[in-house]
PDB file of N, CA and C in Angstrom:
ATOM      1  N   MET A   1       0.944  -1.347  -0.117  1.00  0.00           N
ATOM      2  CA  MET A   1      -0.309   0.326   0.053  1.00  0.00           C
ATOM      3  C   MET A   1       0.888   1.178  -0.068  1.00  0.00           C
ATOM      4  N   ALA A   2       0.768   2.345  -0.996  1.00  0.00           N
ATOM      5  CA  ALA A   2       1.260   3.099  -0.598  1.00  0.00           C
ATOM      6  C   ALA A   2       1.307   4.350   0.845  1.00  0.00           C
ATOM      7  N   PRO A   3       2.365   5.219   0.906  1.00  0.00           N
ATOM      8  CA  PRO A   3       2.485   5.453   2.209  1.00  0.00           C
ATOM      9  C   PRO A   3       1.044   6.205   2.737  1.00  0.00           C
ATOM     10  N   LYS A   4       0.937   7.346   1.172  1.00  0.00           N
ATOM     11  CA  LYS A   4      -0.280   8.400   1.345  1.00  0.00           C
ATOM     12  C   LYS A   4      -1.471   7.712   1.996  1.00  0.00           C
ATOM     13  N   ARG A   5      -1.846   6.447   1.576  1.00  0.00           N
ATOM     14  CA  ARG A   5      -3.118   5.978   1.662  1.00  0.00           C
ATOM     15  C   ARG A   5      -2.746   5.169   2.984  1.00  0.00           C
ATOM     16  N   ALA A   6      -1.765   4.867   3.037  1.00  0.00           N
ATOM     17  CA  ALA A   6      -1.391   3.827   4.490  1.00  0.00           C
ATOM     18  C   ALA A   6      -1.737   4.893   5.679  1.00  0.00           C
ATOM     19  N   MET A   7      -1.224   5.860   5.294  1.00  0.00           N
ATOM     20  CA  MET A   7      -1.131   7.101   6.702  1.00  0.00           C
ATOM     21  C   MET A   7      -2.480   7.825   6.833  1.00  0.00           C
ATOM     22  N   GLN A   8      -3.351   7.466   5.565  1.00  0.00           N
ATOM     23  CA  GLN A   8      -5.198   7.851   6.014  1.00  0.00           C
ATOM     24  C   GLN A   8      -5.577   6.834   6.536  1.00  0.00           C
ATOM     25  N   ARG A   9      -5.512   5.536   6.617  1.00  0.00           N
ATOM     26  CA  ARG A   9      -5.763   4.202   7.132  1.00  0.00           C
ATOM     27  C   ARG A   9      -5.214   4.174   8.653  1.00  0.00           C
ATOM     28  N   ALA A  10      -4.269   4.689   8.677  1.00  0.00           N
ATOM     29  CA  ALA A  10      -3.094   4.452  10.302  1.00  0.00           C
ATOM     30  C   ALA A  10      -3.947   5.455  11.574  1.00  0.00           C
ATOM     31  N   ASP A  11      -3.974   5.092  12.614  1.00  0.00           N
ATOM     32  CA  ASP A  11      -4.342   6.112  13.738  1.00  0.00           C
ATOM     33  C   ASP A  11      -3.167   6.982  13.956  1.00  0.00           C
ATOM     34  N   ALA A  12      -2.483   6.949  13.779  1.00  0.00           N
ATOM     35  CA  ALA A  12      -1.012   7.814  14.001  1.00  0.00           C
ATOM     36  C   ALA A  12      -0.108   7.898  13.005  1.00  0.00           C
ATOM     37  N   ALA A  13       0.615   8.897  12.879  1.00  0.00           N
ATOM     38  CA  ALA A  13       1.713   8.787  11.955  1.00  0.00           C
ATOM     39  C   ALA A  13       2.941   9.397  12.635  1.00  0.00           C
ATOM     40  N   ILE A  14       4.306   9.288  12.752  1.00  0.00           N
ATOM     41  CA  ILE A  14       5.443  10.064  13.244  1.00  0.00           C
ATOM     42  C   ILE A  14       6.795   9.439  12.958  1.00  0.00           C
ATOM     43  N   VAL A  15       7.556  10.475  12.882  1.00  0.00           N
ATOM     44  CA  VAL A  15       9.163  10.376  12.670  1.00  0.00           C
ATOM     45  C   VAL A  15       9.864  10.189  13.937  1.00  0.00           C
ATOM     46  N   GLY A  16      10.543   9.536  14.289  1.00  0.00           N
ATOM     47  CA  GLY A  16      10.812   9.364  15.636  1.00  0.00           C
ATOM     48  C   GLY A  16      12.318   8.934  15.661  1.00  0.00           C
ATOM     49  N   LYS A  17      13.286   8.930  16.721  1.00  0.00           N
ATOM     50  CA  LYS A  17      14.451   8.283  16.576  1.00  0.00           C
ATOM     51  C   LYS A  17      14.365   7.137  17.670  1.00  0.00           C
ATOM     52  N   LEU A  18      14.624   6.285  17.563  1.00  0.00           N
ATOM     53  CA  LEU A  18      14.688   4.964  18.482  1.00  0.00           C
ATOM     54  C   LEU A  18      15.853   5.318  19.812  1.00  0.00           C
ATOM     55  N   ILE A  19      15.318   5.259  20.624  1.00  0.00           N
ATOM     56  CA  ILE A  19      15.907   5.494  22.004  1.00  0.00           C
ATOM     57  C   ILE A  19      16.622   4.126  22.756  1.00  0.00           C
ATOM     58  N   ARG A  20      15.429   2.969  22.639  1.00  0.00           N
ATOM     59  CA  ARG A  20      15.502   2.059  23.341  1.00  0.00           C
ATOM     60  C   ARG A  20      14.514   1.146  23.362  1.00  0.00           C
ATOM     61  N   VAL A  21      14.875  -0.252  23.347  1.00  0.00           N
ATOM     62  CA  VAL A  21      14.130  -1.356  23.024  1.00  0.00           C
ATOM     63  C   VAL A  21      13.768  -2.295  24.546  1.00  0.00           C
ATOM     64  N   VAL A  22      12.873  -2.113  25.056  1.00  0.00           N
ATOM     65  CA  VAL A  22      12.606  -2.954  26.741  1.00  0.00           C
ATOM     66  C   VAL A  22      11.756  -4.316  26.277  1.00  0.00           C
ATOM     67  N   PRO A  23      12.407  -5.552  26.686  1.00  0.00           N
ATOM     68  CA  PRO A  23      11.666  -6.540  26.428  1.00  0.00           C
ATOM     69  C   PRO A  23      10.358  -6.899  27.309  1.00  0.00           C
ATOM     70  N   ARG A  24       9.388  -7.139  26.386  1.00  0.00           N
ATOM     71  CA  ARG A  24       8.276  -7.658  27.437  1.00  0.00           C
ATOM     72  C   ARG A  24       8.020  -8.898  26.842  1.00  0.00           C
ATOM     73  N   GLY A  25       8.778 -10.236  27.995  1.00  0.00           N
ATOM     74  CA  GLY A  25       8.668 -11.657  27.679  1.00  0.00           C
ATOM     75  C   GLY A  25       8.993 -11.807  26.407  1.00  0.00           C
ATOM     76  N   ARG A  26       9.091 -13.117  25.966  1.00  0.00           N
ATOM     77  CA  ARG A  26       9.923 -13.885  24.941  1.00  0.00           C
ATOM     78  C   ARG A  26       9.453 -12.878  23.679  1.00  0.00           C
ATOM     79  N   LEU A  27       8.104 -12.814  23.364  1.00  0.00           N
ATOM     80  CA  LEU A  27       8.034 -12.512  21.858  1.00  0.00           C
ATOM     81  C   LEU A  27       7.632 -10.814  22.011  1.00  0.00           C
ATOM     82  N   LYS A  28       7.342 -10.236  22.746  1.00  0.00           N
ATOM     83  CA  LYS A  28       6.941  -8.684  22.559  1.00  0.00           C
ATOM     84  C   LYS A  28       7.896  -7.963  23.105  1.00  0.00           C
ATOM     85  N   ALA A  29       7.762  -6.426  22.846  1.00  0.00           N
ATOM     86  CA  ALA A  29       9.138  -5.451  23.219  1.00  0.00           C
ATOM     87  C   ALA A  29       8.411  -4.106  23.110  1.00  0.00           C
ATOM     88  N   ASP A  30       8.897  -3.053  24.077  1.00  0.00           N
ATOM     89  CA  ASP A  30       8.289  -1.425  24.173  1.00  0.00           C
ATOM     90  C   ASP A  30       9.534  -1.125  23.601  1.00  0.00           C
ATOM     91  N   TYR A  31       9.526  -0.470  22.087  1.00  0.00           N
ATOM     92  CA  TYR A  31      10.202   0.380  21.766  1.00  0.00           C
ATOM     93  C   TYR A  31       9.928   1.886  21.857  1.00  0.00           C
ATOM     94  N   ARG A  32      11.004   2.631  22.467  1.00  0.00           N
ATOM     95  CA  ARG A  32      11.011   3.947  22.882  1.00  0.00           C
ATOM     96  C   ARG A  32      11.271   4.726  21.967  1.00  0.00           C
ATOM     97  N   TYR A  33      10.424   5.795  21.448  1.00  0.00           N
ATOM     98  CA  TYR A  33      10.979   6.820  20.473  1.00  0.00           C
ATOM     99  C   TYR A  33      11.048   8.214  21.043  1.00  0.00           C
ATOM    100  N   LEU A  34      11.787   8.857  20.991  1.00  0.00           N
ATOM    101  CA  LEU A  34      12.066  10.689  20.807  1.00  0.00           C
ATOM    102  C   LEU A  34      11.009  11.259  19.632  1.00  0.00           C
ATOM    103  N   VAL A  35       9.790  11.300  19.754  1.00  0.00           N
ATOM    104  CA  VAL A  35       9.347  12.103  18.301  1.00  0.00           C
ATOM    105  C   VAL A  35       9.603  13.138  18.040  1.00  0.00           C
ATOM    106  N   GLN A  36      10.107  13.055  16.621  1.00  0.00           N
ATOM    107  CA  GLN A  36      10.813  14.437  16.219  1.00  0.00           C
ATOM    108  C   GLN A  36       9.596  15.257  14.978  1.00  0.00           C
ATOM    109  N   HIS A  37       8.610  14.717  14.611  1.00  0.00           N
ATOM    110  CA  HIS A  37       7.776  15.015  13.907  1.00  0.00           C
ATOM    111  C   HIS A  37       6.765  14.151  13.902  1.00  0.00           C
ATOM    112  N   VAL A  38       5.449  14.877  14.062  1.00  0.00           N
ATOM    113  CA  VAL A  38       4.301  14.395  13.959  1.00  0.00           C
ATOM    114  C   VAL A  38       3.212  14.509  12.878  1.00  0.00           C
ATOM    115  N   TYR A  39       2.947  13.639  11.819  1.00  0.00           N
ATOM    116  CA  TYR A  39       2.108  13.984  10.967  1.00  0.00           C
ATOM    117  C   TYR A  39       0.728  13.350  10.970  1.00  0.00           C
ATOM    118  N   LYS A  40       0.303  12.675  11.714  1.00  0.00           N
ATOM    119  CA  LYS A  40      -1.206  12.444  12.217  1.00  0.00           C
ATOM    120  C   LYS A  40      -0.949  11.971  13.604  1.00  0.00           C
ATOM    121  N   GLY A  41      -1.514  12.837  14.745  1.00  0.00           N
ATOM    122  CA  GLY A  41      -1.463  12.979  16.362  1.00  0.00           C
ATOM    123  C   GLY A  41      -2.243  11.823  17.167  1.00  0.00           C
ATOM    124  N   GLY A  42      -2.226  11.567  18.189  1.00  0.00           N
ATOM    125  CA  GLY A  42      -3.330  10.855  18.799  1.00  0.00           C
ATOM    126  C   GLY A  42      -2.913  11.180  20.277  1.00  0.00           C
ATOM    127  N   PRO A  43      -3.436  10.100  21.450  1.00  0.00           N
ATOM    128  CA  PRO A  43      -3.173  10.441  22.510  1.00  0.00           C
ATOM    129  C   PRO A  43      -1.609  10.062  23.056  1.00  0.00           C
ATOM    130  N   GLY A  44      -1.075  11.075  23.881  1.00  0.00           N
ATOM    131  CA  GLY A  44       0.353  10.835  24.126  1.00  0.00           C
ATOM    132  C   GLY A  44       1.368  11.033  23.057  1.00  0.00           C
ATOM    133  N   ILE A  45       1.078  11.812  21.933  1.00  0.00           N
ATOM    134  CA  ILE A  45       2.025  11.695  21.060  1.00  0.00           C
ATOM    135  C   ILE A  45       2.233  13.536  20.901  1.00  0.00           C
ATOM    136  N   ARG A  46       3.466  14.021  20.978  1.00  0.00           N
ATOM    137  CA  ARG A  46       3.487  14.971  20.700  1.00  0.00           C
ATOM    138  C   ARG A  46       5.313  15.102  20.526  1.00  0.00           C
ATOM    139  N   ARG A  47       5.464  16.200  19.437  1.00  0.00           N
ATOM    140  CA  ARG A  47       6.800  16.489  19.255  1.00  0.00           C
ATOM    141  C   ARG A  47       7.669  17.095  20.456  1.00  0.00           C
ATOM    142  N   GLY A  48       9.075  16.064  20.431  1.00  0.00           N
ATOM    143  CA  GLY A  48       9.875  15.969  21.442  1.00  0.00           C
ATOM    144  C   GLY A  48       9.450  15.365  22.774  1.00  0.00           C
ATOM    145  N   GLY A  49       8.735  14.584  22.460  1.00  0.00           N
ATOM    146  CA  GLY A  49       7.730  13.775  23.841  1.00  0.00           C
ATOM    147  C   GLY A  49       8.744  12.392  23.622  1.00  0.00           C
ATOM    148  N   LEU A  50       8.462  11.591  24.454  1.00  0.00           N
ATOM    149  CA  LEU A  50       8.674   9.872  24.345  1.00  0.00           C
ATOM    150  C   LEU A  50       7.634   9.577  23.857  1.00  0.00           C
ATOM    151  N   LEU A  51       7.574   8.254  23.388  1.00  0.00           N
ATOM    152  CA  LEU A  51       6.968   7.683  22.928  1.00  0.00           C
ATOM    153  C   LEU A  51       6.985   6.267  22.954  1.00  0.00           C
ATOM    154  N   SER A  52       6.367   5.286  23.772  1.00  0.00           N
ATOM    155  CA  SER A  52       6.254   3.965  23.703  1.00  0.00           C
ATOM    156  C   SER A  52       5.172   2.861  23.102  1.00  0.00           C
ATOM    157  N   VAL A  53       6.143   1.982  21.810  1.00  0.00           N
ATOM    158  CA  VAL A  53       5.450   1.295  20.838  1.00  0.00           C
ATOM    159  C   VAL A  53       5.660   0.031  21.156  1.00  0.00           C
ATOM    160  N   ARG A  54       4.292  -1.029  21.084  1.00  0.00           N
ATOM    161  CA  ARG A  54       4.534  -1.939  21.728  1.00  0.00           C
ATOM    162  C   ARG A  54       4.445  -2.858  20.058  1.00  0.00           C
ATOM    163  N   SER A  55       5.434  -4.001  19.811  1.00  0.00           N
ATOM    164  CA  SER A  55       5.604  -4.681  18.507  1.00  0.00           C
ATOM    165  C   SER A  55       6.448  -6.107  18.972  1.00  0.00           C
ATOM    166  N   ALA A  56       6.364  -7.084  18.166  1.00  0.00           N
ATOM    167  CA  ALA A  56       6.938  -8.112  18.305  1.00  0.00           C
ATOM    168  C   ALA A  56       8.380  -7.716  18.585  1.00  0.00           C
ATOM    169  N   ARG A  57       8.969  -8.730  19.225  1.00  0.00           N
ATOM    170  CA  ARG A  57      10.460  -8.646  19.564  1.00  0.00           C
ATOM    171  C   ARG A  57      11.539  -8.721  18.509  1.00  0.00           C
ATOM    172  N   LYS A  58      11.440  -9.675  17.700  1.00  0.00           N
ATOM    173  CA  LYS A  58      11.967 -10.135  16.685  1.00  0.00           C
ATOM    174  C   LYS A  58      11.712  -9.443  15.287  1.00  0.00           C
ATOM    175  N   SER A  59      12.572  -9.096  14.404  1.00  0.00           N
ATOM    176  CA  SER A  59      12.108  -8.847  12.971  1.00  0.00           C
ATOM    177  C   SER A  59      11.709  -9.717  12.083  1.00  0.00           C
ATOM    178  N   SER A  60      11.803 -11.038  12.677  1.00  0.00           N
ATOM    179  CA  SER A  60      11.688 -12.132  11.422  1.00  0.00           C
ATOM    180  C   SER A  60       9.843 -12.587  11.781  1.00  0.00           C
ATOM    181  N   ALA A  61       9.578 -11.992  13.248  1.00  0.00           N
ATOM    182  CA  ALA A  61       8.346 -11.940  13.431  1.00  0.00           C
ATOM    183  C   ALA A  61       7.502 -10.253  13.177  1.00  0.00           C
ATOM    184  N   CYS A  62       8.008  -9.871  12.203  1.00  0.00           N
ATOM    185  CA  CYS A  62       7.588  -8.413  11.741  1.00  0.00           C
ATOM    186  C   CYS A  62       7.851  -7.402  12.691  1.00  0.00           C
ATOM    187  N   GLY A  63       8.952  -7.703  13.881  1.00  0.00           N
ATOM    188  CA  GLY A  63       9.161  -6.713  14.640  1.00  0.00           C
ATOM    189  C   GLY A  63       9.805  -5.280  14.281  1.00  0.00           C
ATOM    190  N   LEU A  64       9.709  -4.618  14.927  1.00  0.00           N
ATOM    191  CA  LEU A  64      10.184  -3.126  14.336  1.00  0.00           C
ATOM    192  C   LEU A  64      11.628  -3.257  14.503  1.00  0.00           C
ATOM    193  N   PRO A  65      12.253  -2.273  13.692  1.00  0.00           N
ATOM    194  CA  PRO A  65      14.008  -2.483  13.525  1.00  0.00           C
ATOM    195  C   PRO A  65      14.649  -2.305  14.669  1.00  0.00           C
ATOM    196  N   HIS A  66      15.924  -2.448  14.727  1.00  0.00           N
ATOM    197  CA  HIS A  66      16.149  -2.322  16.711  1.00  0.00           C
ATOM    198  C   HIS A  66      17.677  -1.515  16.419  1.00  0.00           C
ATOM    199  N   GLY A  67      17.797  -0.434  15.213  1.00  0.00           N
ATOM    200  CA  GLY A  67      18.964   0.219  15.272  1.00  0.00           C
ATOM    201  C   GLY A  67      18.623   1.316  16.055  1.00  0.00           C
ATOM    202  N   LYS A  68      19.241   1.457  17.305  1.00  0.00           N
ATOM    203  CA  LYS A  68      19.159   2.420  18.241  1.00  0.00           C
ATOM    204  C   LYS A  68      19.901   3.762  17.476  1.00  0.00           C
ATOM    205  N   HIS A  69      19.275   4.921  18.070  1.00  0.00           N
ATOM    206  CA  HIS A  69      19.541   6.523  17.397  1.00  0.00           C
ATOM    207  C   HIS A  69      19.221   6.787  16.206  1.00  0.00           C
ATOM    208  N   ARG A  70      18.804   5.593  15.569  1.00  0.00           N
ATOM    209  CA  ARG A  70      18.293   5.906  14.085  1.00  0.00           C
ATOM    210  C   ARG A  70      16.659   6.399  14.103  1.00  0.00           C
ATOM    211  N   ARG A  71      16.540   7.146  12.565  1.00  0.00           N
ATOM    212  CA  ARG A  71      15.239   7.874  12.711  1.00  0.00           C
ATOM    213  C   ARG A  71      14.410   6.818  11.466  1.00  0.00           C
ATOM    214  N   TYR A  72      13.304   6.982  12.310  1.00  0.00           N
ATOM    215  CA  TYR A  72      12.288   5.973  11.379  1.00  0.00           C
ATOM    216  C   TYR A  72      10.931   6.872  11.213  1.00  0.00           C
ATOM    217  N   GLY A  73      10.409   6.512  10.120  1.00  0.00           N
ATOM    218  CA  GLY A  73       8.951   7.005   9.878  1.00  0.00           C
ATOM    219  C   GLY A  73       7.978   5.751  10.152  1.00  0.00           C
ATOM    220  N   MET A  74       7.112   6.230  11.431  1.00  0.00           N
ATOM    221  CA  MET A  74       6.223   5.039  11.629  1.00  0.00           C
ATOM    222  C   MET A  74       4.838   5.423  11.673  1.00  0.00           C
ATOM    223  N   LEU A  75       3.890   4.232  10.858  1.00  0.00           N
ATOM    224  CA  LEU A  75       2.406   4.235  11.151  1.00  0.00           C
ATOM    225  C   LEU A  75       1.994   3.506  12.279  1.00  0.00           C
ATOM    226  N   LEU A  76       1.390   4.262  13.016  1.00  0.00           N
ATOM    227  CA  LEU A  76       0.914   3.394  14.537  1.00  0.00           C
ATOM    228  C   LEU A  76      -0.443   2.856  14.333  1.00  0.00           C
ATOM    229  N   ALA A  77      -0.871   1.948  14.783  1.00  0.00           N
ATOM    230  CA  ALA A  77      -2.154   1.587  15.362  1.00  0.00           C
ATOM    231  C   ALA A  77      -2.598   1.289  16.806  1.00  0.00           C
ATOM    232  N   ARG A  78      -3.699   1.759  17.256  1.00  0.00           N
ATOM    233  CA  ARG A  78      -4.097   2.193  18.496  1.00  0.00           C
ATOM    234  C   ARG A  78      -4.375   0.674  19.425  1.00  0.00           C
ATOM    235  N   ASP A  79      -4.107   0.216  20.166  1.00  0.00           N
ATOM    236  CA  ASP A  79      -4.523  -0.852  20.597  1.00  0.00           C
ATOM    237  C   ASP A  79      -4.583  -0.764  21.996  1.00  0.00           C
ATOM    238  N   GLY A  80      -6.097  -0.613  22.333  1.00  0.00           N
ATOM    239  CA  GLY A  80      -6.556  -0.379  23.989  1.00  0.00           C
ATOM    240  C   GLY A  80      -6.025   1.040  24.350  1.00  0.00           C
ATOM    241  N   PRO A  81      -4.946   0.963  25.134  1.00  0.00           N
ATOM    242  CA  PRO A  81      -4.254   2.151  25.593  1.00  0.00           C
ATOM    243  C   PRO A  81      -3.081   2.239  25.091  1.00  0.00           C
ATOM    244  N   ARG A  82      -2.425   1.567  24.432  1.00  0.00           N
ATOM    245  CA  ARG A  82      -1.262   1.250  23.718  1.00  0.00           C
ATOM    246  C   ARG A  82      -0.890   1.556  22.334  1.00  0.00           C
ATOM    247  N   TRP A  83       0.352   2.235  21.966  1.00  0.00           N
ATOM    248  CA  TRP A  83       0.550   2.289  20.395  1.00  0.00           C
ATOM    249  C   TRP A  83       0.899   1.216  19.996  1.00  0.00           C
ATOM    250  N   THR A  84       0.652   0.573  18.501  1.00  0.00           N
ATOM    251  CA  THR A  84       1.762  -0.578  18.439  1.00  0.00           C
ATOM    252  C   THR A  84       1.778  -0.204  16.801  1.00  0.00           C
ATOM    253  N   SER A  85       2.684  -1.160  16.296  1.00  0.00           N
ATOM    254  CA  SER A  85       3.215  -1.084  14.862  1.00  0.00           C
ATOM    255  C   SER A  85       4.196  -2.378  14.701  1.00  0.00           C
ATOM    256  N   GLY A  86       4.583  -2.599  13.403  1.00  0.00           N
ATOM    257  CA  GLY A  86       5.397  -3.611  12.857  1.00  0.00           C
ATOM    258  C   GLY A  86       6.178  -2.878  11.894  1.00  0.00           C
ATOM    259  N   LEU A  87       7.169  -3.919  11.433  1.00  0.00           N
ATOM    260  CA  LEU A  87       7.925  -3.855  10.299  1.00  0.00           C
ATOM    261  C   LEU A  87       7.191  -3.176   8.821  1.00  0.00           C
ATOM    262  N   CYS A  88       5.957  -3.609   8.228  1.00  0.00           N
ATOM    263  CA  CYS A  88       5.369  -2.716   7.207  1.00  0.00           C
ATOM    264  C   CYS A  88       4.828  -1.601   7.707  1.00  0.00           C
ATOM    265  N   GLY A  89       4.869  -0.904   8.892  1.00  0.00           N
ATOM    266  CA  GLY A  89       4.515   0.340   9.334  1.00  0.00           C
ATOM    267  C   GLY A  89       5.337   1.419   8.930  1.00  0.00           C
ATOM    268  N   VAL A  90       6.880   0.283   8.819  1.00  0.00           N
ATOM    269  CA  VAL A  90       7.896   1.628   8.954  1.00  0.00           C
ATOM    270  C   VAL A  90       8.710   2.180   7.910  1.00  0.00           C
ATOM    271  N   PHE A  91       8.560   3.188   7.069  1.00  0.00           N
ATOM    272  CA  PHE A  91       8.931   3.931   6.058  1.00  0.00           C
ATOM    273  C   PHE A  91      10.279   5.112   6.165  1.00  0.00           C
ATOM    274  N   ARG A  92      10.676   4.784   5.013  1.00  0.00           N
ATOM    275  CA  ARG A  92      11.905   6.149   5.315  1.00  0.00           C
ATOM    276  C   ARG A  92      11.135   7.596   5.769  1.00  0.00           C
ATOM    277  N   PRO A  93      11.804   8.432   6.553  1.00  0.00           N
ATOM    278  CA  PRO A  93      11.377   9.282   7.080  1.00  0.00           C
ATOM    279  C   PRO A  93      10.735  10.193   5.794  1.00  0.00           C
ATOM    280  N   ARG A  94      11.376  10.437   4.828  1.00  0.00           N
ATOM    281  CA  ARG A  94      11.123  11.466   3.852  1.00  0.00           C
ATOM    282  C   ARG A  94       9.953  10.745   2.808  1.00  0.00           C
ATOM    283  N   LEU A  95       9.444   9.593   3.085  1.00  0.00           N
ATOM    284  CA  LEU A  95       8.412   9.057   2.175  1.00  0.00           C
ATOM    285  C   LEU A  95       6.812   9.648   2.602  1.00  0.00           C
ATOM    286  N   LEU A  96       6.972   9.872   4.336  1.00  0.00           N
ATOM    287  CA  LEU A  96       5.987  10.712   4.797  1.00  0.00           C
ATOM    288  C   LEU A  96       5.859  11.768   4.455  1.00  0.00           C
ATOM    289  N   GLU A  97       6.921  12.650   4.233  1.00  0.00           N
ATOM    290  CA  GLU A  97       7.056  14.076   3.998  1.00  0.00           C
ATOM    291  C   GLU A  97       6.526  14.023   2.283  1.00  0.00           C
ATOM    292  N   SER A  98       6.720  13.261   1.251  1.00  0.00           N
ATOM    293  CA  SER A  98       6.356  13.426  -0.116  1.00  0.00           C
ATOM    294  C   SER A  98       5.012  13.551  -0.573  1.00  0.00           C
ATOM    295  N   PRO A  99       4.849  14.386  -1.402  1.00  0.00           N
ATOM    296  CA  PRO A  99       3.337  14.737  -1.335  1.00  0.00           C
ATOM    297  C   PRO A  99       2.668  13.498  -2.498  1.00  0.00           C
ATOM    298  N   ARG A 100       3.663  12.612  -3.091  1.00  0.00           N
ATOM    299  CA  ARG A 100       3.250  11.739  -4.306  1.00  0.00           C
ATOM    300  C   ARG A 100       2.714  10.534  -2.983  1.00  0.00           C
ATOM    301  N   GLY A 101       3.855  10.092  -2.258  1.00  0.00           N
ATOM    302  CA  GLY A 101       3.560   8.812  -1.541  1.00  0.00           C
ATOM    303  C   GLY A 101       3.501   7.568  -1.764  1.00  0.00           C
ATOM    304  N   THR A 102       4.483   7.381  -3.145  1.00  0.00           N
ATOM    305  CA  THR A 102       4.023   6.262  -4.147  1.00  0.00           C
ATOM    306  C   THR A 102       4.961   4.864  -3.597  1.00  0.00           C
ATOM    307  N   GLU A 103       6.180   5.347  -2.796  1.00  0.00           N
ATOM    308  CA  GLU A 103       6.932   4.166  -2.627  1.00  0.00           C
ATOM    309  C   GLU A 103       6.486   3.489  -1.595  1.00  0.00           C
ATOM    310  N   HIS A 104       7.207   2.173  -1.224  1.00  0.00           N
ATOM    311  CA  HIS A 104       6.288   1.101  -0.379  1.00  0.00           C
ATOM    312  C   HIS A 104       7.394   0.886   0.754  1.00  0.00           C
ATOM    313  N   CYS A 105       7.108  -0.400   1.675  1.00  0.00           N
ATOM    314  CA  CYS A 105       7.437  -0.305   3.013  1.00  0.00           C
ATOM    315  C   CYS A 105       9.350  -0.155   2.800  1.00  0.00           C
ATOM    316  N   ALA A 106       9.839   0.112   4.159  1.00  0.00           N
ATOM    317  CA  ALA A 106      11.443   0.429   4.014  1.00  0.00           C
ATOM    318  C   ALA A 106      11.924  -0.963   4.257  1.00  0.00           C
ATOM    319  N   SER A 107      11.437  -1.841   4.600  1.00  0.00           N
ATOM    320  CA  SER A 107      12.212  -3.099   5.016  1.00  0.00           C
ATOM    321  C   SER A 107      13.158  -3.783   3.688  1.00  0.00           C
TER     322      SER A 107
END
């Protein structure tokens, strides 16, 4: 799905820098991001704030990338009180800024 259309369907969209990965059992982890840009906001999302996103712990299970201090464009879904995402919700930050938004996943 093209990023522009995917962003319309997402509950939120940000660009953030990965600060830390906190394991939550064998299968899940909380990925902590410093929010650098908000394209589509929601509860607890603000520029300059920290955001926790739950995902699979391993990339082989479509978990988020583990590159600490790297910037990621990310589409988020709301699951009760927490934000979630997966590998196919991750885009190069410039794709979210693109008016055309015709490229695909950054995986």
